[in-house]
Structure formats: C-alpha cells, structure tokens
PDB file of N, CA and C in Angstrom:
ATOM      1  N   MET A   1      17.766  11.057 -15.712  1.00  0.00           N
ATOM      2  CA  MET A   1      18.077  11.516 -17.067  1.00  0.00           C
ATOM      3  C   MET A   1      17.377  13.027 -17.631  1.00  0.00           C
ATOM      4  N   ASP A   2      16.538  13.148 -17.343  1.00  0.00           N
ATOM      5  CA  ASP A   2      15.948  13.968 -17.158  1.00  0.00           C
ATOM      6  C   ASP A   2      15.575  15.512 -16.344  1.00  0.00           C
ATOM      7  N   GLY A   3      16.532  14.886 -15.351  1.00  0.00           N
ATOM      8  CA  GLY A   3      17.041  16.292 -14.200  1.00  0.00           C
ATOM      9  C   GLY A   3      16.200  16.162 -13.261  1.00  0.00           C
ATOM     10  N   ARG A   4      14.888  15.815 -12.882  1.00  0.00           N
ATOM     11  CA  ARG A   4      14.468  15.240 -12.017  1.00  0.00           C
ATOM     12  C   ARG A   4      15.131  14.211 -10.651  1.00  0.00           C
ATOM     13  N   THR A   5      14.858  14.639  -9.539  1.00  0.00           N
ATOM     14  CA  THR A   5      15.532  14.831  -8.623  1.00  0.00           C
ATOM     15  C   THR A   5      14.615  13.289  -8.172  1.00  0.00           C
ATOM     16  N   PHE A   6      15.181  12.747  -7.027  1.00  0.00           N
ATOM     17  CA  PHE A   6      14.638  11.269  -6.548  1.00  0.00           C
ATOM     18  C   PHE A   6      15.001  11.188  -5.196  1.00  0.00           C
ATOM     19  N   ARG A   7      14.293  10.370  -4.415  1.00  0.00           N
ATOM     20  CA  ARG A   7      14.982  10.158  -3.030  1.00  0.00           C
ATOM     21  C   ARG A   7      15.057   8.325  -3.025  1.00  0.00           C
ATOM     22  N   VAL A   8      16.111   7.665  -2.118  1.00  0.00           N
ATOM     23  CA  VAL A   8      16.279   6.584  -2.041  1.00  0.00           C
ATOM     24  C   VAL A   8      15.863   6.357  -0.582  1.00  0.00           C
ATOM     25  N   LEU A   9      15.271   5.543   0.015  1.00  0.00           N
ATOM     26  CA  LEU A   9      15.038   5.221   1.343  1.00  0.00           C
ATOM     27  C   LEU A   9      16.072   3.522   1.182  1.00  0.00           C
ATOM     28  N   THR A  10      16.884   3.721   1.983  1.00  0.00           N
ATOM     29  CA  THR A  10      17.710   2.251   2.079  1.00  0.00           C
ATOM     30  C   THR A  10      18.177   2.299   3.617  1.00  0.00           C
ATOM     31  N   VAL A  11      17.447   1.035   3.527  1.00  0.00           N
ATOM     32  CA  VAL A  11      17.685   0.164   5.132  1.00  0.00           C
ATOM     33  C   VAL A  11      19.041  -0.662   5.187  1.00  0.00           C
ATOM     34  N   PHE A  12      19.642  -0.556   5.980  1.00  0.00           N
ATOM     35  CA  PHE A  12      20.972  -1.710   5.543  1.00  0.00           C
ATOM     36  C   PHE A  12      21.148  -1.566   7.062  1.00  0.00           C
ATOM     37  N   ASP A  13      21.382  -3.367   7.231  1.00  0.00           N
ATOM     38  CA  ASP A  13      21.669  -4.135   9.033  1.00  0.00           C
ATOM     39  C   ASP A  13      23.371  -4.209   8.763  1.00  0.00           C
ATOM     40  N   GLN A  14      23.432  -3.679   9.221  1.00  0.00           N
ATOM     41  CA  GLN A  14      25.412  -3.032   9.439  1.00  0.00           C
ATOM     42  C   GLN A  14      26.233  -4.471   9.987  1.00  0.00           C
ATOM     43  N   TRP A  15      25.702  -5.632  10.686  1.00  0.00           N
ATOM     44  CA  TRP A  15      26.061  -6.633  11.057  1.00  0.00           C
ATOM     45  C   TRP A  15      25.860  -7.024   9.844  1.00  0.00           C
ATOM     46  N   SER A  16      24.985  -7.750   9.395  1.00  0.00           N
ATOM     47  CA  SER A  16      24.555  -8.727   8.136  1.00  0.00           C
ATOM     48  C   SER A  16      25.079  -8.245   6.800  1.00  0.00           C
ATOM     49  N   ARG A  17      25.053  -6.946   6.792  1.00  0.00           N
ATOM     50  CA  ARG A  17      25.216  -5.955   5.615  1.00  0.00           C
ATOM     51  C   ARG A  17      24.656  -6.599   4.296  1.00  0.00           C
ATOM     52  N   TRP A  18      23.196  -6.896   4.783  1.00  0.00           N
ATOM     53  CA  TRP A  18      21.823  -7.315   4.378  1.00  0.00           C
ATOM     54  C   TRP A  18      20.865  -5.527   4.111  1.00  0.00           C
ATOM     55  N   SER A  19      20.122  -5.853   2.960  1.00  0.00           N
ATOM     56  CA  SER A  19      19.805  -4.279   2.563  1.00  0.00           C
ATOM     57  C   SER A  19      17.953  -5.264   2.734  1.00  0.00           C
ATOM     58  N   PRO A  20      17.319  -5.230   3.450  1.00  0.00           N
ATOM     59  CA  PRO A  20      15.824  -5.547   3.200  1.00  0.00           C
ATOM     60  C   PRO A  20      15.096  -4.253   2.260  1.00  0.00           C
ATOM     61  N   ILE A  21      15.550  -2.972   2.553  1.00  0.00           N
ATOM     62  CA  ILE A  21      14.683  -2.113   2.211  1.00  0.00           C
ATOM     63  C   ILE A  21      15.179  -1.011   0.878  1.00  0.00           C
ATOM     64  N   LEU A  22      15.204  -1.218  -0.235  1.00  0.00           N
ATOM     65  CA  LEU A  22      15.618   0.236  -0.920  1.00  0.00           C
ATOM     66  C   LEU A  22      14.103   0.638  -1.449  1.00  0.00           C
ATOM     67  N   GLU A  23      13.784   1.417  -1.193  1.00  0.00           N
ATOM     68  CA  GLU A  23      12.447   1.896  -1.550  1.00  0.00           C
ATOM     69  C   GLU A  23      12.954   3.533  -2.377  1.00  0.00           C
ATOM     70  N   THR A  24      12.360   3.633  -3.645  1.00  0.00           N
ATOM     71  CA  THR A  24      12.416   5.134  -4.236  1.00  0.00           C
ATOM     72  C   THR A  24      11.271   5.563  -4.865  1.00  0.00           C
ATOM     73  N   ALA A  25      11.466   7.237  -4.782  1.00  0.00           N
ATOM     74  CA  ALA A  25      10.279   7.920  -5.101  1.00  0.00           C
ATOM     75  C   ALA A  25      10.549   9.164  -5.432  1.00  0.00           C
ATOM     76  N   GLN A  26       9.985   9.936  -5.822  1.00  0.00           N
ATOM     77  CA  GLN A  26      10.943  11.354  -6.623  1.00  0.00           C
ATOM     78  C   GLN A  26      10.549  12.409  -5.451  1.00  0.00           C
ATOM     79  N   SER A  27       9.645  11.818  -4.507  1.00  0.00           N
ATOM     80  CA  SER A  27       9.639  12.479  -2.890  1.00  0.00           C
ATOM     81  C   SER A  27       8.836  11.260  -2.313  1.00  0.00           C
ATOM     82  N   MET A  28       9.488  12.046  -0.507  1.00  0.00           N
ATOM     83  CA  MET A  28       8.785  10.553   0.140  1.00  0.00           C
ATOM     84  C   MET A  28       8.881  11.168   1.373  1.00  0.00           C
ATOM     85  N   SER A  29       7.605  11.184   1.752  1.00  0.00           N
ATOM     86  CA  SER A  29       7.001  11.413   3.146  1.00  0.00           C
ATOM     87  C   SER A  29       7.336  11.047   4.236  1.00  0.00           C
ATOM     88  N   GLY A  30       6.484  11.188   5.259  1.00  0.00           N
ATOM     89  CA  GLY A  30       7.443  10.473   6.903  1.00  0.00           C
ATOM     90  C   GLY A  30       6.108   9.305   6.252  1.00  0.00           C
ATOM     91  N   ASN A  31       4.684   9.654   6.184  1.00  0.00           N
ATOM     92  CA  ASN A  31       3.855   8.290   6.191  1.00  0.00           C
ATOM     93  C   ASN A  31       4.545   6.877   5.296  1.00  0.00           C
ATOM     94  N   ALA A  32       5.202   7.569   3.817  1.00  0.00           N
ATOM     95  CA  ALA A  32       5.721   6.862   3.064  1.00  0.00           C
ATOM     96  C   ALA A  32       6.819   5.854   3.434  1.00  0.00           C
ATOM     97  N   MET A  33       7.440   6.445   4.743  1.00  0.00           N
ATOM     98  CA  MET A  33       8.744   6.088   4.864  1.00  0.00           C
ATOM     99  C   MET A  33       8.263   4.988   6.073  1.00  0.00           C
ATOM    100  N   ALA A  34       7.288   5.388   6.972  1.00  0.00           N
ATOM    101  CA  ALA A  34       6.448   4.467   7.600  1.00  0.00           C
ATOM    102  C   ALA A  34       6.422   2.837   7.021  1.00  0.00           C
ATOM    103  N   ALA A  35       5.609   3.791   6.111  1.00  0.00           N
ATOM    104  CA  ALA A  35       4.581   2.504   5.066  1.00  0.00           C
ATOM    105  C   ALA A  35       6.166   1.027   4.784  1.00  0.00           C
ATOM    106  N   ALA A  36       7.197   1.477   4.262  1.00  0.00           N
ATOM    107  CA  ALA A  36       8.416   0.740   4.291  1.00  0.00           C
ATOM    108  C   ALA A  36       8.390   0.238   5.304  1.00  0.00           C
ATOM    109  N   LEU A  37       8.861   0.930   6.201  1.00  0.00           N
ATOM    110  CA  LEU A  37       9.056   0.125   7.610  1.00  0.00           C
ATOM    111  C   LEU A  37       8.417  -0.610   8.075  1.00  0.00           C
ATOM    112  N   ALA A  38       7.289  -0.143   8.104  1.00  0.00           N
ATOM    113  CA  ALA A  38       6.349  -1.635   8.420  1.00  0.00           C
ATOM    114  C   ALA A  38       6.233  -2.608   7.541  1.00  0.00           C
ATOM    115  N   ARG A  39       6.432  -2.935   6.051  1.00  0.00           N
ATOM    116  CA  ARG A  39       6.263  -3.817   5.236  1.00  0.00           C
ATOM    117  C   ARG A  39       7.514  -4.329   5.526  1.00  0.00           C
ATOM    118  N   ALA A  40       8.874  -4.455   5.826  1.00  0.00           N
ATOM    119  CA  ALA A  40       9.865  -4.850   6.380  1.00  0.00           C
ATOM    120  C   ALA A  40       9.737  -5.205   7.406  1.00  0.00           C
ATOM    121  N   PHE A  41       9.345  -4.857   8.915  1.00  0.00           N
ATOM    122  CA  PHE A  41       9.307  -5.562   9.827  1.00  0.00           C
ATOM    123  C   PHE A  41       8.344  -6.612  10.057  1.00  0.00           C
ATOM    124  N   ALA A  42       7.092  -6.313   8.728  1.00  0.00           N
ATOM    125  CA  ALA A  42       6.357  -7.606   9.065  1.00  0.00           C
ATOM    126  C   ALA A  42       6.646  -8.790   8.461  1.00  0.00           C
ATOM    127  N   LYS A  43       7.540  -8.846   7.531  1.00  0.00           N
ATOM    128  CA  LYS A  43       8.261  -9.916   6.991  1.00  0.00           C
ATOM    129  C   LYS A  43       9.657 -10.198   8.121  1.00  0.00           C
ATOM    130  N   HIS A  44      10.600  -9.584   8.790  1.00  0.00           N
ATOM    131  CA  HIS A  44      11.789  -9.531   9.036  1.00  0.00           C
ATOM    132  C   HIS A  44      11.870  -9.065  10.376  1.00  0.00           C
ATOM    133  N   GLU A  45      12.485  -9.880  11.430  1.00  0.00           N
ATOM    134  CA  GLU A  45      12.544  -8.304  12.866  1.00  0.00           C
ATOM    135  C   GLU A  45      13.131  -7.728  12.703  1.00  0.00           C
ATOM    136  N   LYS A  46      12.824  -6.546  13.996  1.00  0.00           N
ATOM    137  CA  LYS A  46      12.663  -5.023  14.245  1.00  0.00           C
ATOM    138  C   LYS A  46      14.321  -5.617  14.922  1.00  0.00           C
ATOM    139  N   PRO A  47      14.868  -4.227  14.037  1.00  0.00           N
ATOM    140  CA  PRO A  47      16.055  -3.970  15.082  1.00  0.00           C
ATOM    141  C   PRO A  47      15.846  -3.503  16.556  1.00  0.00           C
ATOM    142  N   ARG A  48      17.112  -3.626  16.791  1.00  0.00           N
ATOM    143  CA  ARG A  48      17.265  -3.006  17.944  1.00  0.00           C
ATOM    144  C   ARG A  48      17.717  -1.348  18.482  1.00  0.00           C
ATOM    145  N   THR A  49      18.384  -1.191  17.425  1.00  0.00           N
ATOM    146  CA  THR A  49      18.450   0.714  17.495  1.00  0.00           C
ATOM    147  C   THR A  49      18.667   0.605  16.092  1.00  0.00           C
ATOM    148  N   ILE A  50      18.420   1.823  15.355  1.00  0.00           N
ATOM    149  CA  ILE A  50      18.860   2.625  14.250  1.00  0.00           C
ATOM    150  C   ILE A  50      19.061   3.826  13.732  1.00  0.00           C
ATOM    151  N   THR A  51      19.656   3.928  13.033  1.00  0.00           N
ATOM    152  CA  THR A  51      20.619   4.638  12.711  1.00  0.00           C
ATOM    153  C   THR A  51      20.437   5.714  11.399  1.00  0.00           C
ATOM    154  N   VAL A  52      20.227   6.923  11.543  1.00  0.00           N
ATOM    155  CA  VAL A  52      19.613   7.609  10.766  1.00  0.00           C
ATOM    156  C   VAL A  52      20.855   8.450   9.808  1.00  0.00           C
ATOM    157  N   ASP A  53      20.946   8.582   8.384  1.00  0.00           N
ATOM    158  CA  ASP A  53      21.777   9.274   7.923  1.00  0.00           C
ATOM    159  C   ASP A  53      20.881  10.102   6.962  1.00  0.00           C
ATOM    160  N   HIS A  54      20.753  11.193   6.906  1.00  0.00           N
ATOM    161  CA  HIS A  54      20.110  12.151   5.971  1.00  0.00           C
ATOM    162  C   HIS A  54      21.028  12.368   4.550  1.00  0.00           C
ATOM    163  N   GLY A  55      21.968  12.202   4.388  1.00  0.00           N
ATOM    164  CA  GLY A  55      23.123  12.510   2.974  1.00  0.00           C
ATOM    165  C   GLY A  55      22.676  14.231   3.090  1.00  0.00           C
ATOM    166  N   THR A  56      22.865  14.122   1.297  1.00  0.00           N
ATOM    167  CA  THR A  56      23.114  14.968   0.737  1.00  0.00           C
ATOM    168  C   THR A  56      22.014  15.875   0.694  1.00  0.00           C
ATOM    169  N   ASP A  57      21.565  17.041   1.539  1.00  0.00           N
ATOM    170  CA  ASP A  57      20.166  17.568   1.781  1.00  0.00           C
ATOM    171  C   ASP A  57      19.337  17.202  -0.186  1.00  0.00           C
ATOM    172  N   HIS A  58      20.491  17.884  -1.283  1.00  0.00           N
ATOM    173  CA  HIS A  58      19.869  17.573  -2.544  1.00  0.00           C
ATOM    174  C   HIS A  58      21.245  17.725  -3.426  1.00  0.00           C
ATOM    175  N   LEU A  59      21.339  17.446  -4.715  1.00  0.00           N
ATOM    176  CA  LEU A  59      22.405  17.008  -5.085  1.00  0.00           C
ATOM    177  C   LEU A  59      21.795  18.177  -6.500  1.00  0.00           C
ATOM    178  N   THR A  60      23.322  18.807  -7.050  1.00  0.00           N
ATOM    179  CA  THR A  60      22.917  19.524  -8.242  1.00  0.00           C
ATOM    180  C   THR A  60      23.247  19.018  -9.635  1.00  0.00           C
ATOM    181  N   SER A  61      23.385  18.838 -10.580  1.00  0.00           N
ATOM    182  CA  SER A  61      24.258  18.920 -11.599  1.00  0.00           C
ATOM    183  C   SER A  61      25.019  20.352 -12.320  1.00  0.00           C
ATOM    184  N   PRO A  62      26.647  20.219 -12.500  1.00  0.00           N
ATOM    185  CA  PRO A  62      27.277  21.235 -12.704  1.00  0.00           C
ATOM    186  C   PRO A  62      26.811  21.538 -14.208  1.00  0.00           C
TER     187      PRO A  62
END
C-alpha cells in the first residue's frame, strides 16, 4: 500500500500441492532463505529435488 517492495519465499510440494513455507520480507538474504528451509526440514521430510523459479526480478506500479 505504501509502495515498498517485498519478497515472498514460497516452497511448494508439486506432488501433494502443499506449501510448508510462505516467508515474506522486504528483502531476503541467502541466510534467511536457508533458515526458512531448515525450519521446514526440521518438521517435514527433505525433498529429493528442488526446482527454483526466480519469478520476476521486480515489479513496478504503472
């Protein structure tokens, strides 16, 4: 609403259609992403593979 950008780390299980992580922040470092994954893996089984989609680098309002 105030024009600040934000990031969302979404981890999605393509087989079960379940998302164990939706992590939001104004900026997200590699360490923050690793910590979010570690929290998820502490509760749930580790995946055999991971697919990464960087999405759009940034969006601007018209």
